[in-house]
Amino acid sequence: MPNSSEANIATADALTLLLHNQHAIFAAIEEVTKWLLENGVGSVAANATAAMETLDTNAQGIKDAIMQIRQL
């Protein structure tokens, strides 16, 4: 079994990859939202904006967790 330090590094690395995925998903939704707004589908764009806000909030939580784990 890996020691605690190795497990912390692996966990932080995995969370970092998830964070990168969060950013990629945010960027994709942002592009779709822009298109929706330009094509008169504002109500759907508002839902997409809410999803981006959730992604942004959760990304901050992931960042905080990564920092805590890396400090152990």
PDB file of N, CA and C in Angstrom:
ATOM      1  N   MET A   1       0.851  -1.179   0.000  1.00  0.00           N
ATOM      2  CA  MET A   1       0.000   0.000   0.000  1.00  0.00           C
ATOM      3  C   MET A   1       0.893   1.238   0.000  1.00  0.00           C
ATOM      4  N   PRO A   2       0.580   2.228  -0.845  1.00  0.00           N
ATOM      5  CA  PRO A   2       1.414   3.427  -0.882  1.00  0.00           C
ATOM      6  C   PRO A   2       1.334   4.177   0.444  1.00  0.00           C
ATOM      7  N   ASN A   3       2.420   4.889   0.744  1.00  0.00           N
ATOM      8  CA  ASN A   3       2.371   5.663   1.980  1.00  0.00           C
ATOM      9  C   ASN A   3       1.442   6.856   1.806  1.00  0.00           C
ATOM     10  N   SER A   4       1.171   7.526   2.908  1.00  0.00           N
ATOM     11  CA  SER A   4       0.210   8.628   2.904  1.00  0.00           C
ATOM     12  C   SER A   4       0.604   9.727   1.931  1.00  0.00           C
ATOM     13  N   SER A   5       1.889  10.050   1.874  1.00  0.00           N
ATOM     14  CA  SER A   5       2.364  11.107   0.979  1.00  0.00           C
ATOM     15  C   SER A   5       2.107  10.747  -0.485  1.00  0.00           C
ATOM     16  N   GLU A   6       2.402   9.510  -0.840  1.00  0.00           N
ATOM     17  CA  GLU A   6       2.166   9.070  -2.221  1.00  0.00           C
ATOM     18  C   GLU A   6       0.677   9.081  -2.550  1.00  0.00           C
ATOM     19  N   ALA A   7      -0.134   8.659  -1.602  1.00  0.00           N
ATOM     20  CA  ALA A   7      -1.584   8.659  -1.817  1.00  0.00           C
ATOM     21  C   ALA A   7      -2.101  10.089  -1.959  1.00  0.00           C
ATOM     22  N   ASN A   8      -1.569  11.006  -1.159  1.00  0.00           N
ATOM     23  CA  ASN A   8      -1.982  12.406  -1.267  1.00  0.00           C
ATOM     24  C   ASN A   8      -1.615  12.984  -2.619  1.00  0.00           C
ATOM     25  N   ILE A   9      -0.424  12.678  -3.096  1.00  0.00           N
ATOM     26  CA  ILE A   9       0.010  13.176  -4.409  1.00  0.00           C
ATOM     27  C   ILE A   9      -0.895  12.621  -5.502  1.00  0.00           C
ATOM     28  N   ALA A  10      -1.189  11.335  -5.437  1.00  0.00           N
ATOM     29  CA  ALA A  10      -2.050  10.715  -6.450  1.00  0.00           C
ATOM     30  C   ALA A  10      -3.450  11.318  -6.420  1.00  0.00           C
ATOM     31  N   THR A  11      -3.958  11.552  -5.220  1.00  0.00           N
ATOM     32  CA  THR A  11      -5.288  12.145  -5.086  1.00  0.00           C
ATOM     33  C   THR A  11      -5.304  13.567  -5.636  1.00  0.00           C
ATOM     34  N   ALA A  12      -4.306  14.346  -5.266  1.00  0.00           N
ATOM     35  CA  ALA A  12      -4.229  15.729  -5.752  1.00  0.00           C
ATOM     36  C   ALA A  12      -4.073  15.756  -7.270  1.00  0.00           C
ATOM     37  N   ASP A  13      -3.278  14.849  -7.817  1.00  0.00           N
ATOM     38  CA  ASP A  13      -3.108  14.782  -9.270  1.00  0.00           C
ATOM     39  C   ASP A  13      -4.425  14.436  -9.965  1.00  0.00           C
ATOM     40  N   ALA A  14      -5.175  13.490  -9.395  1.00  0.00           N
ATOM     41  CA  ALA A  14      -6.464  13.112  -9.979  1.00  0.00           C
ATOM     42  C   ALA A  14      -7.443  14.277  -9.914  1.00  0.00           C
ATOM     43  N   LEU A  15      -7.458  14.968  -8.791  1.00  0.00           N
ATOM     44  CA  LEU A  15      -8.339  16.135  -8.667  1.00  0.00           C
ATOM     45  C   LEU A  15      -7.941  17.237  -9.643  1.00  0.00           C
ATOM     46  N   THR A  16      -6.653  17.382  -9.887  1.00  0.00           N
ATOM     47  CA  THR A  16      -6.194  18.384 -10.843  1.00  0.00           C
ATOM     48  C   THR A  16      -6.716  18.069 -12.242  1.00  0.00           C
ATOM     49  N   LEU A  17      -6.691  16.796 -12.610  1.00  0.00           N
ATOM     50  CA  LEU A  17      -7.245  16.402 -13.911  1.00  0.00           C
ATOM     51  C   LEU A  17      -8.739  16.695 -13.978  1.00  0.00           C
ATOM     52  N   LEU A  18      -9.454  16.415 -12.898  1.00  0.00           N
ATOM     53  CA  LEU A  18     -10.881  16.734 -12.862  1.00  0.00           C
ATOM     54  C   LEU A  18     -11.115  18.234 -12.984  1.00  0.00           C
ATOM     55  N   LEU A  19     -10.253  19.004 -12.353  1.00  0.00           N
ATOM     56  CA  LEU A  19     -10.367  20.460 -12.451  1.00  0.00           C
ATOM     57  C   LEU A  19     -10.160  20.922 -13.891  1.00  0.00           C
ATOM     58  N   HIS A  20      -9.192  20.325 -14.579  1.00  0.00           N
ATOM     59  CA  HIS A  20      -8.980  20.675 -15.990  1.00  0.00           C
ATOM     60  C   HIS A  20     -10.230  20.332 -16.808  1.00  0.00           C
ATOM     61  N   ASN A  21     -10.871  19.205 -16.476  1.00  0.00           N
ATOM     62  CA  ASN A  21     -12.109  18.844 -17.163  1.00  0.00           C
ATOM     63  C   ASN A  21     -13.204  19.870 -16.872  1.00  0.00           C
ATOM     64  N   GLN A  22     -13.279  20.345 -15.623  1.00  0.00           N
ATOM     65  CA  GLN A  22     -14.256  21.371 -15.266  1.00  0.00           C
ATOM     66  C   GLN A  22     -14.076  22.598 -16.155  1.00  0.00           C
ATOM     67  N   HIS A  23     -12.825  23.017 -16.327  1.00  0.00           N
ATOM     68  CA  HIS A  23     -12.544  24.208 -17.139  1.00  0.00           C
ATOM     69  C   HIS A  23     -12.919  23.979 -18.607  1.00  0.00           C
ATOM     70  N   ALA A  24     -12.648  22.783 -19.113  1.00  0.00           N
ATOM     71  CA  ALA A  24     -12.989  22.473 -20.504  1.00  0.00           C
ATOM     72  C   ALA A  24     -14.501  22.457 -20.714  1.00  0.00           C
ATOM     73  N   ILE A  25     -15.218  21.865 -19.775  1.00  0.00           N
ATOM     74  CA  ILE A  25     -16.681  21.832 -19.869  1.00  0.00           C
ATOM     75  C   ILE A  25     -17.243  23.252 -19.794  1.00  0.00           C
ATOM     76  N   PHE A  26     -16.697  24.058 -18.891  1.00  0.00           N
ATOM     77  CA  PHE A  26     -17.131  25.453 -18.769  1.00  0.00           C
ATOM     78  C   PHE A  26     -16.950  26.176 -20.100  1.00  0.00           C
ATOM     79  N   ALA A  27     -15.775  26.009 -20.705  1.00  0.00           N
ATOM     80  CA  ALA A  27     -15.493  26.693 -21.977  1.00  0.00           C
ATOM     81  C   ALA A  27     -16.465  26.244 -23.070  1.00  0.00           C
ATOM     82  N   ALA A  28     -16.774  24.952 -23.109  1.00  0.00           N
ATOM     83  CA  ALA A  28     -17.704  24.453 -24.116  1.00  0.00           C
ATOM     84  C   ALA A  28     -19.102  25.019 -23.899  1.00  0.00           C
ATOM     85  N   ILE A  29     -19.557  25.031 -22.652  1.00  0.00           N
ATOM     86  CA  ILE A  29     -20.885  25.580 -22.365  1.00  0.00           C
ATOM     87  C   ILE A  29     -20.919  27.077 -22.666  1.00  0.00           C
ATOM     88  N   GLU A  30     -19.825  27.748 -22.393  1.00  0.00           N
ATOM     89  CA  GLU A  30     -19.751  29.181 -22.681  1.00  0.00           C
ATOM     90  C   GLU A  30     -19.909  29.443 -24.174  1.00  0.00           C
ATOM     91  N   GLU A  31     -19.274  28.629 -25.005  1.00  0.00           N
ATOM     92  CA  GLU A  31     -19.405  28.790 -26.462  1.00  0.00           C
ATOM     93  C   GLU A  31     -20.836  28.528 -26.915  1.00  0.00           C
ATOM     94  N   VAL A  32     -21.452  27.482 -26.381  1.00  0.00           N
ATOM     95  CA  VAL A  32     -22.834  27.164 -26.744  1.00  0.00           C
ATOM     96  C   VAL A  32     -23.766  28.278 -26.275  1.00  0.00           C
ATOM     97  N   THR A  33     -23.515  28.807 -25.097  1.00  0.00           N
ATOM     98  CA  THR A  33     -24.334  29.894 -24.568  1.00  0.00           C
ATOM     99  C   THR A  33     -24.262  31.119 -25.471  1.00  0.00           C
ATOM    100  N   LYS A  34     -23.059  31.432 -25.924  1.00  0.00           N
ATOM    101  CA  LYS A  34     -22.888  32.568 -26.840  1.00  0.00           C
ATOM    102  C   LYS A  34     -23.714  32.350 -28.104  1.00  0.00           C
ATOM    103  N   TRP A  35     -23.652  31.148 -28.647  1.00  0.00           N
ATOM    104  CA  TRP A  35     -24.404  30.838 -29.854  1.00  0.00           C
ATOM    105  C   TRP A  35     -25.907  30.951 -29.585  1.00  0.00           C
ATOM    106  N   LEU A  36     -26.353  30.437 -28.437  1.00  0.00           N
ATOM    107  CA  LEU A  36     -27.769  30.506 -28.098  1.00  0.00           C
ATOM    108  C   LEU A  36     -28.246  31.950 -28.022  1.00  0.00           C
ATOM    109  N   LEU A  37     -27.455  32.797 -27.381  1.00  0.00           N
ATOM    110  CA  LEU A  37     -27.825  34.208 -27.268  1.00  0.00           C
ATOM    111  C   LEU A  37     -27.899  34.878 -28.630  1.00  0.00           C
ATOM    112  N   GLU A  38     -26.942  34.556 -29.496  1.00  0.00           N
ATOM    113  CA  GLU A  38     -26.906  35.151 -30.832  1.00  0.00           C
ATOM    114  C   GLU A  38     -28.057  34.673 -31.705  1.00  0.00           C
ATOM    115  N   ASN A  39     -28.655  33.534 -31.341  1.00  0.00           N
ATOM    116  CA  ASN A  39     -29.721  32.955 -32.149  1.00  0.00           C
ATOM    117  C   ASN A  39     -31.084  33.027 -31.461  1.00  0.00           C
ATOM    118  N   GLY A  40     -31.206  33.935 -30.509  1.00  0.00           N
ATOM    119  CA  GLY A  40     -32.499  34.221 -29.910  1.00  0.00           C
ATOM    120  C   GLY A  40     -33.074  33.173 -28.978  1.00  0.00           C
ATOM    121  N   VAL A  41     -32.224  32.381 -28.369  1.00  0.00           N
ATOM    122  CA  VAL A  41     -32.713  31.354 -27.442  1.00  0.00           C
ATOM    123  C   VAL A  41     -32.243  31.710 -26.029  1.00  0.00           C
ATOM    124  N   GLY A  42     -32.670  32.890 -25.592  1.00  0.00           N
ATOM    125  CA  GLY A  42     -32.202  33.431 -24.324  1.00  0.00           C
ATOM    126  C   GLY A  42     -32.563  32.595 -23.115  1.00  0.00           C
ATOM    127  N   SER A  43     -33.746  31.953 -23.128  1.00  0.00           N
ATOM    128  CA  SER A  43     -34.143  31.161 -21.961  1.00  0.00           C
ATOM    129  C   SER A  43     -33.229  29.955 -21.779  1.00  0.00           C
ATOM    130  N   VAL A  44     -32.842  29.333 -22.865  1.00  0.00           N
ATOM    131  CA  VAL A  44     -31.916  28.199 -22.775  1.00  0.00           C
ATOM    132  C   VAL A  44     -30.523  28.696 -22.385  1.00  0.00           C
ATOM    133  N   ALA A  45     -30.159  29.851 -22.904  1.00  0.00           N
ATOM    134  CA  ALA A  45     -28.861  30.438 -22.558  1.00  0.00           C
ATOM    135  C   ALA A  45     -28.799  30.736 -21.060  1.00  0.00           C
ATOM    136  N   ALA A  46     -29.907  31.150 -20.481  1.00  0.00           N
ATOM    137  CA  ALA A  46     -29.940  31.421 -19.040  1.00  0.00           C
ATOM    138  C   ALA A  46     -29.693  30.146 -18.251  1.00  0.00           C
ATOM    139  N   ASN A  47     -30.252  29.030 -18.699  1.00  0.00           N
ATOM    140  CA  ASN A  47     -30.003  27.745 -18.043  1.00  0.00           C
ATOM    141  C   ASN A  47     -28.535  27.348 -18.168  1.00  0.00           C
ATOM    142  N   ALA A  48     -27.966  27.591 -19.320  1.00  0.00           N
ATOM    143  CA  ALA A  48     -26.554  27.267 -19.532  1.00  0.00           C
ATOM    144  C   ALA A  48     -25.676  28.132 -18.637  1.00  0.00           C
ATOM    145  N   THR A  49     -26.054  29.392 -18.470  1.00  0.00           N
ATOM    146  CA  THR A  49     -25.304  30.291 -17.592  1.00  0.00           C
ATOM    147  C   THR A  49     -25.354  29.786 -16.146  1.00  0.00           C
ATOM    148  N   ALA A  50     -26.502  29.302 -15.726  1.00  0.00           N
ATOM    149  CA  ALA A  50     -26.626  28.741 -14.372  1.00  0.00           C
ATOM    150  C   ALA A  50     -25.720  27.522 -14.220  1.00  0.00           C
ATOM    151  N   ALA A  51     -25.635  26.708 -15.254  1.00  0.00           N
ATOM    152  CA  ALA A  51     -24.749  25.544 -15.210  1.00  0.00           C
ATOM    153  C   ALA A  51     -23.293  25.980 -15.100  1.00  0.00           C
ATOM    154  N   MET A  52     -22.929  27.049 -15.813  1.00  0.00           N
ATOM    155  CA  MET A  52     -21.559  27.558 -15.727  1.00  0.00           C
ATOM    156  C   MET A  52     -21.252  28.076 -14.326  1.00  0.00           C
ATOM    157  N   GLU A  53     -22.222  28.701 -13.697  1.00  0.00           N
ATOM    158  CA  GLU A  53     -22.021  29.196 -12.332  1.00  0.00           C
ATOM    159  C   GLU A  53     -21.765  28.031 -11.375  1.00  0.00           C
ATOM    160  N   THR A  54     -22.495  26.937 -11.558  1.00  0.00           N
ATOM    161  CA  THR A  54     -22.281  25.752 -10.730  1.00  0.00           C
ATOM    162  C   THR A  54     -20.895  25.176 -10.970  1.00  0.00           C
ATOM    163  N   LEU A  55     -20.498  25.082 -12.225  1.00  0.00           N
ATOM    164  CA  LEU A  55     -19.157  24.588 -12.537  1.00  0.00           C
ATOM    165  C   LEU A  55     -18.087  25.460 -11.905  1.00  0.00           C
ATOM    166  N   ASP A  56     -18.288  26.766 -11.961  1.00  0.00           N
ATOM    167  CA  ASP A  56     -17.314  27.694 -11.395  1.00  0.00           C
ATOM    168  C   ASP A  56     -17.217  27.530  -9.878  1.00  0.00           C
ATOM    169  N   THR A  57     -18.361  27.421  -9.220  1.00  0.00           N
ATOM    170  CA  THR A  57     -18.376  27.220  -7.770  1.00  0.00           C
ATOM    171  C   THR A  57     -17.687  25.914  -7.391  1.00  0.00           C
ATOM    172  N   ASN A  58     -18.022  24.852  -8.099  1.00  0.00           N
ATOM    173  CA  ASN A  58     -17.421  23.554  -7.800  1.00  0.00           C
ATOM    174  C   ASN A  58     -15.936  23.528  -8.124  1.00  0.00           C
ATOM    175  N   ALA A  59     -15.530  24.246  -9.148  1.00  0.00           N
ATOM    176  CA  ALA A  59     -14.102  24.313  -9.481  1.00  0.00           C
ATOM    177  C   ALA A  59     -13.323  24.932  -8.330  1.00  0.00           C
ATOM    178  N   GLN A  60     -13.894  25.936  -7.703  1.00  0.00           N
ATOM    179  CA  GLN A  60     -13.221  26.557  -6.556  1.00  0.00           C
ATOM    180  C   GLN A  60     -13.086  25.560  -5.412  1.00  0.00           C
ATOM    181  N   GLY A  61     -14.110  24.770  -5.174  1.00  0.00           N
ATOM    182  CA  GLY A  61     -14.041  23.744  -4.141  1.00  0.00           C
ATOM    183  C   GLY A  61     -12.974  22.704  -4.438  1.00  0.00           C
ATOM    184  N   ILE A  62     -12.859  22.320  -5.700  1.00  0.00           N
ATOM    185  CA  ILE A  62     -11.829  21.362  -6.094  1.00  0.00           C
ATOM    186  C   ILE A  62     -10.445  21.969  -5.897  1.00  0.00           C
ATOM    187  N   LYS A  63     -10.281  23.237  -6.292  1.00  0.00           N
ATOM    188  CA  LYS A  63      -8.987  23.914  -6.090  1.00  0.00           C
ATOM    189  C   LYS A  63      -8.604  23.926  -4.622  1.00  0.00           C
ATOM    190  N   ASP A  64      -9.563  24.256  -3.770  1.00  0.00           N
ATOM    191  CA  ASP A  64      -9.300  24.306  -2.330  1.00  0.00           C
ATOM    192  C   ASP A  64      -8.883  22.931  -1.806  1.00  0.00           C
ATOM    193  N   ALA A  65      -9.566  21.889  -2.248  1.00  0.00           N
ATOM    194  CA  ALA A  65      -9.234  20.533  -1.816  1.00  0.00           C
ATOM    195  C   ALA A  65      -7.835  20.135  -2.276  1.00  0.00           C
ATOM    196  N   ILE A  66      -7.500  20.485  -3.504  1.00  0.00           N
ATOM    197  CA  ILE A  66      -6.157  20.184  -4.028  1.00  0.00           C
ATOM    198  C   ILE A  66      -5.096  20.847  -3.164  1.00  0.00           C
ATOM    199  N   MET A  67      -5.314  22.106  -2.840  1.00  0.00           N
ATOM    200  CA  MET A  67      -4.333  22.828  -2.017  1.00  0.00           C
ATOM    201  C   MET A  67      -4.204  22.199  -0.647  1.00  0.00           C
ATOM    202  N   GLN A  68      -5.293  21.790  -0.033  1.00  0.00           N
ATOM    203  CA  GLN A  68      -5.236  21.150   1.272  1.00  0.00           C
ATOM    204  C   GLN A  68      -4.481  19.827   1.206  1.00  0.00           C
ATOM    205  N   ILE A  69      -4.776  19.037   0.197  1.00  0.00           N
ATOM    206  CA  ILE A  69      -4.114  17.734   0.069  1.00  0.00           C
ATOM    207  C   ILE A  69      -2.627  17.904  -0.192  1.00  0.00           C
ATOM    208  N   ARG A  70      -2.271  18.853  -1.030  1.00  0.00           N
ATOM    209  CA  ARG A  70      -0.851  19.042  -1.356  1.00  0.00           C
ATOM    210  C   ARG A  70      -0.055  19.556  -0.151  1.00  0.00           C
ATOM    211  N   GLN A  71      -0.718  20.146   0.822  1.00  0.00           N
ATOM    212  CA  GLN A  71      -0.037  20.650   2.009  1.00  0.00           C
ATOM    213  C   GLN A  71       0.164  19.572   3.074  1.00  0.00           C
ATOM    214  N   LEU A  72      -0.489  18.424   2.912  1.00  0.00           N
ATOM    215  CA  LEU A  72      -0.354  17.347   3.903  1.00  0.00           C
ATOM    216  C   LEU A  72       0.995  16.660   3.798  1.00  0.00           C
TER     217      LEU A  72
END
